[in-house]
């Protein structure tokens, strides 16, 4: 893990959470939100009054407000809200709270929801859950392009007299035309499709009633949905026309602004879980698109951006992309705030009772804090969100009753006093006590005002991992978890029940597929369309929370006491086709220092949470509540992740590894490049695919000087490679500079770029040679 320097800007800590939550309670707060939505209309009215030399009392004009919601990996609103218990993510809940429906679209408000990758999205032709979507983020490009097409839909509806829509069928047919084809980025394809769809609307814009003033965007995303949201912003800027050498931030001549960008724990690159230590780089659509637009080129395009980050996530398969710029500063109007818990403790999606946490109901689920804070940040920025009915001024309520939040969605914002108390006390582990006691940077209750930390993101996360490790020492290493309610009340189905559940799932999925088949054979039947687009079911996953927690505790205990969990076996990937996106190899040299730092921090903090070596909780009432937060709110994502597939946890990962954090082309962990652009790095040629194997070679134990096994990083390790041509079965021939190319680097992006350029040049030369050979073969005379 690289050393954090003072050149990196400080991140932020969340403000003190109010007992009543952050939904607006005063009419003036709702009016402030409404005034931001109509400020362009009021400015236009003043402009007309000035031109007329008198006050104009009314004008028929409006802004176009478009809200876009990109859900997280494996998260699907339709499914997640229909099961019991319901567990929609915070993105889905914010979508529920948005202004949407036929009655609001005529007022200029549109909301669009994009299900998470790996889940059904019938509108783009994905009917079933997909392992490829979960592992490789396939389908992400189509979701981003769909969102771009929804801009066309909203504009078409708004400027046509009959409120015409861009039909789902037409939109779906355009996705293939917008797709990128390596080595091209897809920019030209997207621009051509969008411009062709917008062209017929250009003459209609000046005639539209009400008069259309501008386009205001509100964009939300979680996990790879957050990466999609950031890519959407990047691709949007490519659609802006150029005028006098500068980009005009407009579509159809209408000014475009991103009023709010709210992203939760961005993960654009996901490791291949069952073949770690290999890890994928950014997906094709996420490559080079995660940095926010240049403020000099697109001044004030993004009015407000908030990125909420998980303090305790450490799965190697879920690296984080910070919104801080590579030069160490944050873009204007942007704040990156650290929250307790794992990836989905921030983004949402855990049902009450999962792993024995939040047993009292949704109001105890840790992600509810983030839900309120993201809502408050967006609402203060003018986002078109519903509000509790009692907080809406009577005049506004009568004019626009759709602004009242329905009672069932209001219940999704439940937050219980025990959660508020524990969260606020957790903040004392991030801030000094005096600062933590302050309501915020301002005395205003309205809005969202995080505290400026005195340390950068990476350092704050290292510190937070010390607290979680201290808790794990008490609960896992010393075994006290076995008597805690989060374990004793965790769900555990018997083997017989698991077999019944899996059989039932297969039966239900078969019925869905039979219904689709029947609909194709009889398309005129009344329910044909519904059956054709009916979503499939998630893959079966056994409910064995106690088993997963117990085995996670055993792994932590073994690692903590350095009992030698063997990870020296060969791990390999078999690739029939070398992918275009990057595949990296994690650097085992960093395991030992990370282990020492995290274990040392845990031992140092341990006495603050526990009073003895048996894992008995401290008598300090405040620290006891912090410990209770880890007991009853913070999940163990490593214990659960891919367990049904692996029958264990993430290979080559561990409880003593820090999370990977990307910043532009740089990373806080040094990596080796395995392959890029369809070529294996360091290899001369391959007849077909490749078998790429690696293992840690046994080294000398640093502590004892004896020959050792894995020892959780306590042994000095070197990586041994075995690269086999899949077609011939022979060892691949290495290039002269292969060893240099294999060396780990913090700036993996630069190496990736240079190797990509070499691959493109090589492909061009090969294509040129093939064409010349063909011309000669058909008798063409070359001069």
Foldseek 3Di string as FASTA:
>chain_A
DDDFDPLFFFFFAFFAADQVFQFDDAQVLLVLLVCLQCVLVVVVQVVVCVVVVHRDDDAFEGEAEEEEFQEAQPADLVVQVPDVPRWHWLSSLQLLQFQDDDVCLQRRYHYDYDGYFQFADPLLPRFEGDPCCNQPVPVLQLSLLLVLVVVLQSLCLQQDPVSDGCDSVNSNVLSVQQDADPPGQSLVSSLVVSCVSCVVCLVRQCVTTVRYAAYEYEYEYAELSLLSRLLSQQSLQSNFDDDPNAGQCHDSPHHYAHLEYEYEFYFQWFQRQVFPVKTFDGRSSSAPRNAHDDCVRVPRRYVAYEYEHELAAAPQRGFGADNAAPSNHHDPRYHYYYAYFYRCLQGIRDFQQALLFNVVGLQRANNLNNSSQSVQQCSSSSRRGAGDPSNHDPVVCVVCVSSHNDPVSVVNSHHHSLNSLLRLLVVCLQPPPVSSPDRAPDPDSGGTHTGGGPGHPVVSSLSVLLQVLLLLQLCQQLPVVVPASSQVSRDADDPVVLVVVQVVLVVVQVVLVVLLVVCVVPVPDPCSVVSVNHHHDDHDDHRHSNVLVNQQSVQSNCLLVLVFDFQQDKRKDWDQFFDATWMKRFDLLVQQVLQVSSSVSSVVCNVLAAPDSNSHGDPPVSSVSNSVCSSHHHDDCQSPPCCVPNVGGRRPTHSSGGHWYDHNQFIPGWIAIQDHRRDGAQFDDAPGIKMKMKGWDFAAQPVPRHTGGPSRSRGRTDMDIFIARPVPRHTTHGDPCRVVRRDTDRRNNVVNVVVNVVSVVVVVVVVVVVVVVVCVVVPHDDD
